[in-house]
Amino acid sequence: MIYKTIGKKIQKAREEAGLSQEELASRLGYSQAALSNYELGKRRLYLANIEQIARELNKPLSYFLDESHLPVQEIRKEGNDEILEEIGRLLSELPSEEKKNILEYIKWRRDRLK
């Protein structure tokens, strides 16, 4: 699952920075237990969490993202231009929090297909 992959990357980046879980958790405003669960892939990470962690660990956001995702250009090669355009149009009409919920749903559906 994607959360385990990201969690391992968080742990690696934290250790490279020479920080304990407790130190990083404190800097982020999380409990040590919450950070531990993120690193173990037991707790859902939202994009906002990953962005905050990336900033604190001086890593680009791309460092934490799963490299198995197809770039948009590859998806478009599969003939889904119209579908992607409609999805983009509909998403642009939604509030930010709803966009996050939809992103999490898409990830959940993708993980169920694996």
PDB file of N, CA and C in Angstrom:
ATOM      1  N   MET A   1       0.841  -1.182   0.000  1.00  0.00           N
ATOM      2  CA  MET A   1       0.000   0.000   0.000  1.00  0.00           C
ATOM      3  C   MET A   1       0.886   1.247   0.000  1.00  0.00           C
ATOM      4  N   ILE A   2       0.367   2.298  -0.551  1.00  0.00           N
ATOM      5  CA  ILE A   2       1.129   3.529  -0.725  1.00  0.00           C
ATOM      6  C   ILE A   2       1.566   4.133   0.610  1.00  0.00           C
ATOM      7  N   TYR A   3       0.757   3.985   1.664  1.00  0.00           N
ATOM      8  CA  TYR A   3       1.113   4.596   2.947  1.00  0.00           C
ATOM      9  C   TYR A   3       2.366   3.969   3.540  1.00  0.00           C
ATOM     10  N   LYS A   4       2.564   2.671   3.324  1.00  0.00           N
ATOM     11  CA  LYS A   4       3.770   2.009   3.825  1.00  0.00           C
ATOM     12  C   LYS A   4       4.999   2.516   3.084  1.00  0.00           C
ATOM     13  N   THR A   5       4.870   2.693   1.781  1.00  0.00           N
ATOM     14  CA  THR A   5       5.984   3.189   0.972  1.00  0.00           C
ATOM     15  C   THR A   5       6.377   4.592   1.412  1.00  0.00           C
ATOM     16  N   ILE A   6       5.393   5.453   1.576  1.00  0.00           N
ATOM     17  CA  ILE A   6       5.661   6.824   2.010  1.00  0.00           C
ATOM     18  C   ILE A   6       6.232   6.815   3.425  1.00  0.00           C
ATOM     19  N   GLY A   7       5.685   5.965   4.279  1.00  0.00           N
ATOM     20  CA  GLY A   7       6.162   5.876   5.658  1.00  0.00           C
ATOM     21  C   GLY A   7       7.635   5.513   5.739  1.00  0.00           C
ATOM     22  N   LYS A   8       8.052   4.564   4.899  1.00  0.00           N
ATOM     23  CA  LYS A   8       9.469   4.174   4.883  1.00  0.00           C
ATOM     24  C   LYS A   8      10.339   5.348   4.444  1.00  0.00           C
ATOM     25  N   LYS A   9       9.833   6.121   3.494  1.00  0.00           N
ATOM     26  CA  LYS A   9      10.596   7.278   3.024  1.00  0.00           C
ATOM     27  C   LYS A   9      10.676   8.357   4.103  1.00  0.00           C
ATOM     28  N   ILE A  10       9.598   8.517   4.861  1.00  0.00           N
ATOM     29  CA  ILE A  10       9.618   9.482   5.972  1.00  0.00           C
ATOM     30  C   ILE A  10      10.662   9.059   6.996  1.00  0.00           C
ATOM     31  N   GLN A  11      10.648   7.780   7.344  1.00  0.00           N
ATOM     32  CA  GLN A  11      11.617   7.282   8.316  1.00  0.00           C
ATOM     33  C   GLN A  11      13.042   7.488   7.828  1.00  0.00           C
ATOM     34  N   LYS A  12      13.295   7.162   6.576  1.00  0.00           N
ATOM     35  CA  LYS A  12      14.641   7.315   6.017  1.00  0.00           C
ATOM     36  C   LYS A  12      15.082   8.779   6.050  1.00  0.00           C
ATOM     37  N   ALA A  13      14.196   9.672   5.609  1.00  0.00           N
ATOM     38  CA  ALA A  13      14.537  11.098   5.587  1.00  0.00           C
ATOM     39  C   ALA A  13      14.750  11.636   7.001  1.00  0.00           C
ATOM     40  N   ARG A  14      13.937  11.170   7.943  1.00  0.00           N
ATOM     41  CA  ARG A  14      14.082  11.595   9.337  1.00  0.00           C
ATOM     42  C   ARG A  14      15.432  11.157   9.885  1.00  0.00           C
ATOM     43  N   GLU A  15      15.793   9.903   9.622  1.00  0.00           N
ATOM     44  CA  GLU A  15      17.068   9.388  10.109  1.00  0.00           C
ATOM     45  C   GLU A  15      18.246  10.100   9.447  1.00  0.00           C
ATOM     46  N   GLU A  16      18.124  10.406   8.149  1.00  0.00           N
ATOM     47  CA  GLU A  16      19.174  11.157   7.458  1.00  0.00           C
ATOM     48  C   GLU A  16      19.350  12.543   8.068  1.00  0.00           C
ATOM     49  N   ALA A  17      18.247  13.110   8.561  1.00  0.00           N
ATOM     50  CA  ALA A  17      18.297  14.434   9.188  1.00  0.00           C
ATOM     51  C   ALA A  17      18.797  14.357  10.626  1.00  0.00           C
ATOM     52  N   GLY A  18      18.995  13.135  11.129  1.00  0.00           N
ATOM     53  CA  GLY A  18      19.495  12.956  12.490  1.00  0.00           C
ATOM     54  C   GLY A  18      18.467  13.251  13.566  1.00  0.00           C
ATOM     55  N   LEU A  19      17.202  13.055  13.234  1.00  0.00           N
ATOM     56  CA  LEU A  19      16.128  13.347  14.185  1.00  0.00           C
ATOM     57  C   LEU A  19      15.497  12.062  14.703  1.00  0.00           C
ATOM     58  N   SER A  20      15.099  12.098  15.963  1.00  0.00           N
ATOM     59  CA  SER A  20      14.319  10.995  16.523  1.00  0.00           C
ATOM     60  C   SER A  20      12.855  11.214  16.132  1.00  0.00           C
ATOM     61  N   GLN A  21      12.040  10.189  16.307  1.00  0.00           N
ATOM     62  CA  GLN A  21      10.610  10.353  16.052  1.00  0.00           C
ATOM     63  C   GLN A  21      10.034  11.443  16.951  1.00  0.00           C
ATOM     64  N   GLU A  22      10.458  11.442  18.189  1.00  0.00           N
ATOM     65  CA  GLU A  22       9.952  12.428  19.136  1.00  0.00           C
ATOM     66  C   GLU A  22      10.308  13.855  18.709  1.00  0.00           C
ATOM     67  N   GLU A  23      11.541  14.047  18.231  1.00  0.00           N
ATOM     68  CA  GLU A  23      11.971  15.389  17.800  1.00  0.00           C
ATOM     69  C   GLU A  23      11.180  15.856  16.581  1.00  0.00           C
ATOM     70  N   LEU A  24      11.053  14.988  15.585  1.00  0.00           N
ATOM     71  CA  LEU A  24      10.315  15.386  14.381  1.00  0.00           C
ATOM     72  C   LEU A  24       8.844  15.600  14.706  1.00  0.00           C
ATOM     73  N   ALA A  25       8.265  14.710  15.488  1.00  0.00           N
ATOM     74  CA  ALA A  25       6.853  14.847  15.856  1.00  0.00           C
ATOM     75  C   ALA A  25       6.610  16.189  16.546  1.00  0.00           C
ATOM     76  N   SER A  26       7.508  16.564  17.442  1.00  0.00           N
ATOM     77  CA  SER A  26       7.378  17.833  18.151  1.00  0.00           C
ATOM     78  C   SER A  26       7.417  19.007  17.179  1.00  0.00           C
ATOM     79  N   ARG A  27       8.334  18.971  16.230  1.00  0.00           N
ATOM     80  CA  ARG A  27       8.448  20.044  15.239  1.00  0.00           C
ATOM     81  C   ARG A  27       7.193  20.159  14.374  1.00  0.00           C
ATOM     82  N   LEU A  28       6.558  19.009  14.121  1.00  0.00           N
ATOM     83  CA  LEU A  28       5.375  18.978  13.258  1.00  0.00           C
ATOM     84  C   LEU A  28       4.082  19.245  14.026  1.00  0.00           C
ATOM     85  N   GLY A  29       4.155  19.159  15.364  1.00  0.00           N
ATOM     86  CA  GLY A  29       2.946  19.300  16.166  1.00  0.00           C
ATOM     87  C   GLY A  29       2.150  18.012  16.241  1.00  0.00           C
ATOM     88  N   TYR A  30       2.807  16.878  16.022  1.00  0.00           N
ATOM     89  CA  TYR A  30       2.170  15.564  16.098  1.00  0.00           C
ATOM     90  C   TYR A  30       2.633  14.884  17.379  1.00  0.00           C
ATOM     91  N   SER A  31       1.922  13.840  17.765  1.00  0.00           N
ATOM     92  CA  SER A  31       2.419  12.996  18.850  1.00  0.00           C
ATOM     93  C   SER A  31       3.447  12.035  18.259  1.00  0.00           C
ATOM     94  N   GLN A  32       4.312  11.519  19.107  1.00  0.00           N
ATOM     95  CA  GLN A  32       5.300  10.539  18.649  1.00  0.00           C
ATOM     96  C   GLN A  32       4.584   9.298  18.111  1.00  0.00           C
ATOM     97  N   ALA A  33       3.491   8.913  18.754  1.00  0.00           N
ATOM     98  CA  ALA A  33       2.723   7.731  18.316  1.00  0.00           C
ATOM     99  C   ALA A  33       2.142   7.940  16.920  1.00  0.00           C
ATOM    100  N   ALA A  34       1.648   9.141  16.649  1.00  0.00           N
ATOM    101  CA  ALA A  34       1.088   9.420  15.321  1.00  0.00           C
ATOM    102  C   ALA A  34       2.181   9.316  14.259  1.00  0.00           C
ATOM    103  N   LEU A  35       3.344   9.900  14.527  1.00  0.00           N
ATOM    104  CA  LEU A  35       4.441   9.828  13.561  1.00  0.00           C
ATOM    105  C   LEU A  35       4.876   8.378  13.354  1.00  0.00           C
ATOM    106  N   SER A  36       4.927   7.616  14.425  1.00  0.00           N
ATOM    107  CA  SER A  36       5.275   6.201  14.314  1.00  0.00           C
ATOM    108  C   SER A  36       4.288   5.473  13.407  1.00  0.00           C
ATOM    109  N   ASN A  37       3.011   5.756  13.582  1.00  0.00           N
ATOM    110  CA  ASN A  37       1.987   5.127  12.742  1.00  0.00           C
ATOM    111  C   ASN A  37       2.104   5.560  11.285  1.00  0.00           C
ATOM    112  N   TYR A  38       2.484   6.813  11.035  1.00  0.00           N
ATOM    113  CA  TYR A  38       2.728   7.260   9.659  1.00  0.00           C
ATOM    114  C   TYR A  38       3.884   6.466   9.057  1.00  0.00           C
ATOM    115  N   GLU A  39       4.967   6.355   9.820  1.00  0.00           N
ATOM    116  CA  GLU A  39       6.147   5.658   9.308  1.00  0.00           C
ATOM    117  C   GLU A  39       5.879   4.182   9.054  1.00  0.00           C
ATOM    118  N   LEU A  40       4.999   3.587   9.835  1.00  0.00           N
ATOM    119  CA  LEU A  40       4.669   2.172   9.664  1.00  0.00           C
ATOM    120  C   LEU A  40       3.566   1.938   8.627  1.00  0.00           C
ATOM    121  N   GLY A  41       2.991   3.026   8.117  1.00  0.00           N
ATOM    122  CA  GLY A  41       1.919   2.894   7.126  1.00  0.00           C
ATOM    123  C   GLY A  41       0.595   2.491   7.737  1.00  0.00           C
ATOM    124  N   LYS A  42       0.453   2.685   9.039  1.00  0.00           N
ATOM    125  CA  LYS A  42      -0.774   2.295   9.734  1.00  0.00           C
ATOM    126  C   LYS A  42      -1.799   3.422   9.814  1.00  0.00           C
ATOM    127  N   ARG A  43      -1.366   4.613   9.479  1.00  0.00           N
ATOM    128  CA  ARG A  43      -2.250   5.774   9.578  1.00  0.00           C
ATOM    129  C   ARG A  43      -2.249   6.511   8.250  1.00  0.00           C
ATOM    130  N   ARG A  44      -3.419   6.935   7.822  1.00  0.00           N
ATOM    131  CA  ARG A  44      -3.577   7.623   6.546  1.00  0.00           C
ATOM    132  C   ARG A  44      -2.850   8.955   6.546  1.00  0.00           C
ATOM    133  N   LEU A  45      -2.132   9.191   5.473  1.00  0.00           N
ATOM    134  CA  LEU A  45      -1.440  10.463   5.269  1.00  0.00           C
ATOM    135  C   LEU A  45      -2.168  11.259   4.199  1.00  0.00           C
ATOM    136  N   TYR A  46      -2.427  12.493   4.485  1.00  0.00           N
ATOM    137  CA  TYR A  46      -3.008  13.383   3.485  1.00  0.00           C
ATOM    138  C   TYR A  46      -1.885  14.190   2.849  1.00  0.00           C
ATOM    139  N   LEU A  47      -2.161  14.715   1.693  1.00  0.00           N
ATOM    140  CA  LEU A  47      -1.148  15.485   0.980  1.00  0.00           C
ATOM    141  C   LEU A  47      -0.613  16.616   1.843  1.00  0.00           C
ATOM    142  N   ALA A  48      -1.482  17.267   2.593  1.00  0.00           N
ATOM    143  CA  ALA A  48      -1.043  18.366   3.469  1.00  0.00           C
ATOM    144  C   ALA A  48      -0.022  17.879   4.503  1.00  0.00           C
ATOM    145  N   ASN A  49      -0.233  16.655   5.035  1.00  0.00           N
ATOM    146  CA  ASN A  49       0.724  16.078   5.987  1.00  0.00           C
ATOM    147  C   ASN A  49       2.066  15.851   5.316  1.00  0.00           C
ATOM    148  N   ILE A  50       2.028  15.283   4.129  1.00  0.00           N
ATOM    149  CA  ILE A  50       3.268  14.969   3.414  1.00  0.00           C
ATOM    150  C   ILE A  50       4.016  16.250   3.072  1.00  0.00           C
ATOM    151  N   GLU A  51       3.274  17.273   2.657  1.00  0.00           N
ATOM    152  CA  GLU A  51       3.912  18.561   2.349  1.00  0.00           C
ATOM    153  C   GLU A  51       4.594  19.141   3.588  1.00  0.00           C
ATOM    154  N   GLN A  52       3.925  19.061   4.726  1.00  0.00           N
ATOM    155  CA  GLN A  52       4.493  19.584   5.975  1.00  0.00           C
ATOM    156  C   GLN A  52       5.763  18.814   6.357  1.00  0.00           C
ATOM    157  N   ILE A  53       5.705  17.502   6.244  1.00  0.00           N
ATOM    158  CA  ILE A  53       6.860  16.660   6.570  1.00  0.00           C
ATOM    159  C   ILE A  53       8.009  16.958   5.606  1.00  0.00           C
ATOM    160  N   ALA A  54       7.696  17.095   4.327  1.00  0.00           N
ATOM    161  CA  ALA A  54       8.728  17.393   3.324  1.00  0.00           C
ATOM    162  C   ALA A  54       9.428  18.710   3.644  1.00  0.00           C
ATOM    163  N   ARG A  55       8.652  19.723   4.005  1.00  0.00           N
ATOM    164  CA  ARG A  55       9.249  21.019   4.359  1.00  0.00           C
ATOM    165  C   ARG A  55      10.165  20.884   5.571  1.00  0.00           C
ATOM    166  N   GLU A  56       9.703  20.180   6.585  1.00  0.00           N
ATOM    167  CA  GLU A  56      10.477  20.053   7.819  1.00  0.00           C
ATOM    168  C   GLU A  56      11.769  19.260   7.601  1.00  0.00           C
ATOM    169  N   LEU A  57      11.726  18.292   6.690  1.00  0.00           N
ATOM    170  CA  LEU A  57      12.897  17.456   6.434  1.00  0.00           C
ATOM    171  C   LEU A  57      13.722  17.936   5.242  1.00  0.00           C
ATOM    172  N   ASN A  58      13.357  19.106   4.702  1.00  0.00           N
ATOM    173  CA  ASN A  58      14.072  19.698   3.568  1.00  0.00           C
ATOM    174  C   ASN A  58      14.190  18.743   2.381  1.00  0.00           C
ATOM    175  N   LYS A  59      13.071  18.100   2.068  1.00  0.00           N
ATOM    176  CA  LYS A  59      13.004  17.195   0.928  1.00  0.00           C
ATOM    177  C   LYS A  59      11.930  17.705  -0.019  1.00  0.00           C
ATOM    178  N   PRO A  60      12.106  17.477  -1.319  1.00  0.00           N
ATOM    179  CA  PRO A  60      11.032  17.838  -2.242  1.00  0.00           C
ATOM    180  C   PRO A  60       9.846  16.892  -2.037  1.00  0.00           C
ATOM    181  N   LEU A  61       8.672  17.364  -2.311  1.00  0.00           N
ATOM    182  CA  LEU A  61       7.477  16.543  -2.174  1.00  0.00           C
ATOM    183  C   LEU A  61       7.599  15.261  -2.999  1.00  0.00           C
ATOM    184  N   SER A  62       8.208  15.368  -4.147  1.00  0.00           N
ATOM    185  CA  SER A  62       8.359  14.209  -5.035  1.00  0.00           C
ATOM    186  C   SER A  62       9.150  13.076  -4.388  1.00  0.00           C
ATOM    187  N   TYR A  63       9.988  13.384  -3.407  1.00  0.00           N
ATOM    188  CA  TYR A  63      10.761  12.352  -2.705  1.00  0.00           C
ATOM    189  C   TYR A  63       9.835  11.329  -2.041  1.00  0.00           C
ATOM    190  N   PHE A  64       8.691  11.798  -1.555  1.00  0.00           N
ATOM    191  CA  PHE A  64       7.786  10.937  -0.803  1.00  0.00           C
ATOM    192  C   PHE A  64       6.711  10.270  -1.654  1.00  0.00           C
ATOM    193  N   LEU A  65       6.508  10.768  -2.850  1.00  0.00           N
ATOM    194  CA  LEU A  65       5.420  10.228  -3.662  1.00  0.00           C
ATOM    195  C   LEU A  65       5.810   8.911  -4.293  1.00  0.00           C
ATOM    196  N   ASP A  66       4.847   8.055  -4.423  1.00  0.00           N
ATOM    197  CA  ASP A  66       5.048   6.727  -4.997  1.00  0.00           C
ATOM    198  C   ASP A  66       5.449   6.866  -6.459  1.00  0.00           C
ATOM    199  N   GLU A  67       6.579   6.300  -6.813  1.00  0.00           N
ATOM    200  CA  GLU A  67       7.100   6.426  -8.170  1.00  0.00           C
ATOM    201  C   GLU A  67       6.371   5.566  -9.181  1.00  0.00           C
ATOM    202  N   SER A  68       5.438   4.729  -8.741  1.00  0.00           N
ATOM    203  CA  SER A  68       4.745   3.848  -9.679  1.00  0.00           C
ATOM    204  C   SER A  68       3.577   4.519 -10.374  1.00  0.00           C
ATOM    205  N   HIS A  69       3.235   5.739  -9.961  1.00  0.00           N
ATOM    206  CA  HIS A  69       2.121   6.423 -10.602  1.00  0.00           C
ATOM    207  C   HIS A  69       2.490   6.817 -12.025  1.00  0.00           C
ATOM    208  N   LEU A  70       1.538   6.664 -12.923  1.00  0.00           N
ATOM    209  CA  LEU A  70       1.762   7.098 -14.294  1.00  0.00           C
ATOM    210  C   LEU A  70       1.633   8.609 -14.370  1.00  0.00           C
ATOM    211  N   PRO A  71       2.536   9.273 -15.080  1.00  0.00           N
ATOM    212  CA  PRO A  71       2.354  10.707 -15.273  1.00  0.00           C
ATOM    213  C   PRO A  71       1.121  10.963 -16.138  1.00  0.00           C
ATOM    214  N   VAL A  72       0.587  12.155 -16.028  1.00  0.00           N
ATOM    215  CA  VAL A  72      -0.614  12.505 -16.780  1.00  0.00           C
ATOM    216  C   VAL A  72      -0.426  12.265 -18.271  1.00  0.00           C
ATOM    217  N   GLN A  73       0.775  12.532 -18.797  1.00  0.00           N
ATOM    218  CA  GLN A  73       1.016  12.334 -20.227  1.00  0.00           C
ATOM    219  C   GLN A  73       0.796  10.877 -20.616  1.00  0.00           C
ATOM    220  N   GLU A  74       1.197   9.932 -19.760  1.00  0.00           N
ATOM    221  CA  GLU A  74       1.006   8.515 -20.054  1.00  0.00           C
ATOM    222  C   GLU A  74      -0.462   8.146 -20.017  1.00  0.00           C
ATOM    223  N   ILE A  75      -1.204   8.689 -19.070  1.00  0.00           N
ATOM    224  CA  ILE A  75      -2.633   8.410 -18.981  1.00  0.00           C
ATOM    225  C   ILE A  75      -3.326   8.920 -20.242  1.00  0.00           C
ATOM    226  N   ARG A  76      -2.929  10.104 -20.694  1.00  0.00           N
ATOM    227  CA  ARG A  76      -3.550  10.678 -21.886  1.00  0.00           C
ATOM    228  C   ARG A  76      -3.277   9.843 -23.126  1.00  0.00           C
ATOM    229  N   LYS A  77      -2.144   9.177 -23.178  1.00  0.00           N
ATOM    230  CA  LYS A  77      -1.843   8.319 -24.314  1.00  0.00           C
ATOM    231  C   LYS A  77      -2.839   7.175 -24.424  1.00  0.00           C
ATOM    232  N   GLU A  78      -3.468   6.826 -23.319  1.00  0.00           N
ATOM    233  CA  GLU A  78      -4.412   5.728 -23.305  1.00  0.00           C
ATOM    234  C   GLU A  78      -5.782   6.139 -23.830  1.00  0.00           C
ATOM    235  N   GLY A  79      -5.955   7.365 -24.295  1.00  0.00           N
ATOM    236  CA  GLY A  79      -7.211   7.796 -24.902  1.00  0.00           C
ATOM    237  C   GLY A  79      -8.247   8.302 -23.927  1.00  0.00           C
ATOM    238  N   ASN A  80      -7.829   8.794 -22.778  1.00  0.00           N
ATOM    239  CA  ASN A  80      -8.762   9.250 -21.755  1.00  0.00           C
ATOM    240  C   ASN A  80      -8.857  10.772 -21.684  1.00  0.00           C
ATOM    241  N   ASP A  81      -8.452  11.480 -22.731  1.00  0.00           N
ATOM    242  CA  ASP A  81      -8.449  12.945 -22.692  1.00  0.00           C
ATOM    243  C   ASP A  81      -9.783  13.534 -22.262  1.00  0.00           C
ATOM    244  N   GLU A  82     -10.862  13.071 -22.866  1.00  0.00           N
ATOM    245  CA  GLU A  82     -12.174  13.650 -22.563  1.00  0.00           C
ATOM    246  C   GLU A  82     -12.571  13.389 -21.116  1.00  0.00           C
ATOM    247  N   ILE A  83     -12.297  12.200 -20.636  1.00  0.00           N
ATOM    248  CA  ILE A  83     -12.645  11.866 -19.254  1.00  0.00           C
ATOM    249  C   ILE A  83     -11.838  12.725 -18.292  1.00  0.00           C
ATOM    250  N   LEU A  84     -10.528  12.843 -18.540  1.00  0.00           N
ATOM    251  CA  LEU A  84      -9.685  13.653 -17.658  1.00  0.00           C
ATOM    252  C   LEU A  84     -10.095  15.119 -17.680  1.00  0.00           C
ATOM    253  N   GLU A  85     -10.459  15.620 -18.841  1.00  0.00           N
ATOM    254  CA  GLU A  85     -10.892  17.018 -18.923  1.00  0.00           C
ATOM    255  C   GLU A  85     -12.168  17.243 -18.126  1.00  0.00           C
ATOM    256  N   GLU A  86     -13.105  16.298 -18.202  1.00  0.00           N
ATOM    257  CA  GLU A  86     -14.347  16.452 -17.445  1.00  0.00           C
ATOM    258  C   GLU A  86     -14.077  16.341 -15.943  1.00  0.00           C
ATOM    259  N   ILE A  87     -13.244  15.394 -15.562  1.00  0.00           N
ATOM    260  CA  ILE A  87     -12.892  15.266 -14.143  1.00  0.00           C
ATOM    261  C   ILE A  87     -12.259  16.564 -13.642  1.00  0.00           C
ATOM    262  N   GLY A  88     -11.323  17.106 -14.415  1.00  0.00           N
ATOM    263  CA  GLY A  88     -10.670  18.357 -14.036  1.00  0.00           C
ATOM    264  C   GLY A  88     -11.652  19.501 -13.924  1.00  0.00           C
ATOM    265  N   ARG A  89     -12.582  19.590 -14.858  1.00  0.00           N
ATOM    266  CA  ARG A  89     -13.583  20.658 -14.832  1.00  0.00           C
ATOM    267  C   ARG A  89     -14.461  20.542 -13.594  1.00  0.00           C
ATOM    268  N   LEU A  90     -14.928  19.321 -13.315  1.00  0.00           N
ATOM    269  CA  LEU A  90     -15.795  19.115 -12.152  1.00  0.00           C
ATOM    270  C   LEU A  90     -15.052  19.354 -10.847  1.00  0.00           C
ATOM    271  N   LEU A  91     -13.809  18.912 -10.780  1.00  0.00           N
ATOM    272  CA  LEU A  91     -13.018  19.125  -9.563  1.00  0.00           C
ATOM    273  C   LEU A  91     -12.793  20.610  -9.290  1.00  0.00           C
ATOM    274  N   SER A  92     -12.599  21.376 -10.339  1.00  0.00           N
ATOM    275  CA  SER A  92     -12.329  22.805 -10.153  1.00  0.00           C
ATOM    276  C   SER A  92     -13.504  23.525  -9.506  1.00  0.00           C
ATOM    277  N   GLU A  93     -14.682  22.931  -9.561  1.00  0.00           N
ATOM    278  CA  GLU A  93     -15.872  23.550  -8.975  1.00  0.00           C
ATOM    279  C   GLU A  93     -16.063  23.203  -7.497  1.00  0.00           C
ATOM    280  N   LEU A  94     -15.242  22.298  -6.992  1.00  0.00           N
ATOM    281  CA  LEU A  94     -15.402  21.834  -5.608  1.00  0.00           C
ATOM    282  C   LEU A  94     -14.480  22.573  -4.653  1.00  0.00           C
ATOM    283  N   PRO A  95     -14.883  22.646  -3.377  1.00  0.00           N
ATOM    284  CA  PRO A  95     -13.997  23.233  -2.364  1.00  0.00           C
ATOM    285  C   PRO A  95     -12.772  22.347  -2.141  1.00  0.00           C
ATOM    286  N   SER A  96     -11.724  22.932  -1.620  1.00  0.00           N
ATOM    287  CA  SER A  96     -10.445  22.249  -1.426  1.00  0.00           C
ATOM    288  C   SER A  96     -10.577  20.960  -0.614  1.00  0.00           C
ATOM    289  N   GLU A  97     -11.339  20.999   0.460  1.00  0.00           N
ATOM    290  CA  GLU A  97     -11.480  19.814   1.321  1.00  0.00           C
ATOM    291  C   GLU A  97     -12.132  18.660   0.556  1.00  0.00           C
ATOM    292  N   GLU A  98     -13.096  18.959  -0.300  1.00  0.00           N
ATOM    293  CA  GLU A  98     -13.737  17.917  -1.105  1.00  0.00           C
ATOM    294  C   GLU A  98     -12.761  17.328  -2.118  1.00  0.00           C
ATOM    295  N   LYS A  99     -11.885  18.173  -2.658  1.00  0.00           N
ATOM    296  CA  LYS A  99     -10.867  17.676  -3.581  1.00  0.00           C
ATOM    297  C   LYS A  99      -9.958  16.672  -2.879  1.00  0.00           C
ATOM    298  N   LYS A 100      -9.591  16.970  -1.638  1.00  0.00           N
ATOM    299  CA  LYS A 100      -8.749  16.051  -0.862  1.00  0.00           C
ATOM    300  C   LYS A 100      -9.465  14.724  -0.639  1.00  0.00           C
ATOM    301  N   ASN A 101     -10.755  14.790  -0.325  1.00  0.00           N
ATOM    302  CA  ASN A 101     -11.533  13.568  -0.103  1.00  0.00           C
ATOM    303  C   ASN A 101     -11.593  12.715  -1.372  1.00  0.00           C
ATOM    304  N   ILE A 102     -11.768  13.358  -2.498  1.00  0.00           N
ATOM    305  CA  ILE A 102     -11.831  12.631  -3.763  1.00  0.00           C
ATOM    306  C   ILE A 102     -10.481  12.014  -4.090  1.00  0.00           C
ATOM    307  N   LEU A 103      -9.405  12.736  -3.833  1.00  0.00           N
ATOM    308  CA  LEU A 103      -8.067  12.187  -4.056  1.00  0.00           C
ATOM    309  C   LEU A 103      -7.854  10.940  -3.212  1.00  0.00           C
ATOM    310  N   GLU A 104      -8.236  10.977  -1.952  1.00  0.00           N
ATOM    311  CA  GLU A 104      -8.100   9.811  -1.082  1.00  0.00           C
ATOM    312  C   GLU A 104      -8.952   8.646  -1.590  1.00  0.00           C
ATOM    313  N   TYR A 105     -10.147   8.938  -2.088  1.00  0.00           N
ATOM    314  CA  TYR A 105     -11.006   7.880  -2.633  1.00  0.00           C
ATOM    315  C   TYR A 105     -10.358   7.245  -3.862  1.00  0.00           C
ATOM    316  N   ILE A 106      -9.808   8.059  -4.737  1.00  0.00           N
ATOM    317  CA  ILE A 106      -9.153   7.532  -5.941  1.00  0.00           C
ATOM    318  C   ILE A 106      -7.984   6.632  -5.549  1.00  0.00           C
ATOM    319  N   LYS A 107      -7.193   7.060  -4.577  1.00  0.00           N
ATOM    320  CA  LYS A 107      -6.072   6.236  -4.118  1.00  0.00           C
ATOM    321  C   LYS A 107      -6.567   4.919  -3.523  1.00  0.00           C
ATOM    322  N   TRP A 108      -7.648   4.989  -2.759  1.00  0.00           N
ATOM    323  CA  TRP A 108      -8.216   3.792  -2.154  1.00  0.00           C
ATOM    324  C   TRP A 108      -8.683   2.820  -3.233  1.00  0.00           C
ATOM    325  N   ARG A 109      -9.377   3.343  -4.243  1.00  0.00           N
ATOM    326  CA  ARG A 109      -9.844   2.494  -5.346  1.00  0.00           C
ATOM    327  C   ARG A 109      -8.663   1.878  -6.089  1.00  0.00           C
ATOM    328  N   ARG A 110      -7.633   2.668  -6.342  1.00  0.00           N
ATOM    329  CA  ARG A 110      -6.456   2.157  -7.037  1.00  0.00           C
ATOM    330  C   ARG A 110      -5.807   1.032  -6.234  1.00  0.00           C
ATOM    331  N   ASP A 111      -5.677   1.235  -4.929  1.00  0.00           N
ATOM    332  CA  ASP A 111      -5.044   0.218  -4.090  1.00  0.00           C
ATOM    333  C   ASP A 111      -5.861  -1.067  -4.039  1.00  0.00           C
ATOM    334  N   ARG A 112      -7.171  -0.957  -4.123  1.00  0.00           N
ATOM    335  CA  ARG A 112      -8.025  -2.160  -4.126  1.00  0.00           C
ATOM    336  C   ARG A 112      -7.860  -2.961  -5.413  1.00  0.00           C
ATOM    337  N   LEU A 113      -7.481  -2.288  -6.492  1.00  0.00           N
ATOM    338  CA  LEU A 113      -7.306  -2.967  -7.781  1.00  0.00           C
ATOM    339  C   LEU A 113      -5.985  -3.719  -7.880  1.00  0.00           C
ATOM    340  N   LYS A 114      -5.054  -3.396  -6.995  1.00  0.00           N
ATOM    341  CA  LYS A 114      -3.729  -4.042  -7.034  1.00  0.00           C
ATOM    342  C   LYS A 114      -3.795  -5.459  -6.549  1.00  0.00           C
TER     343      LYS A 114
END
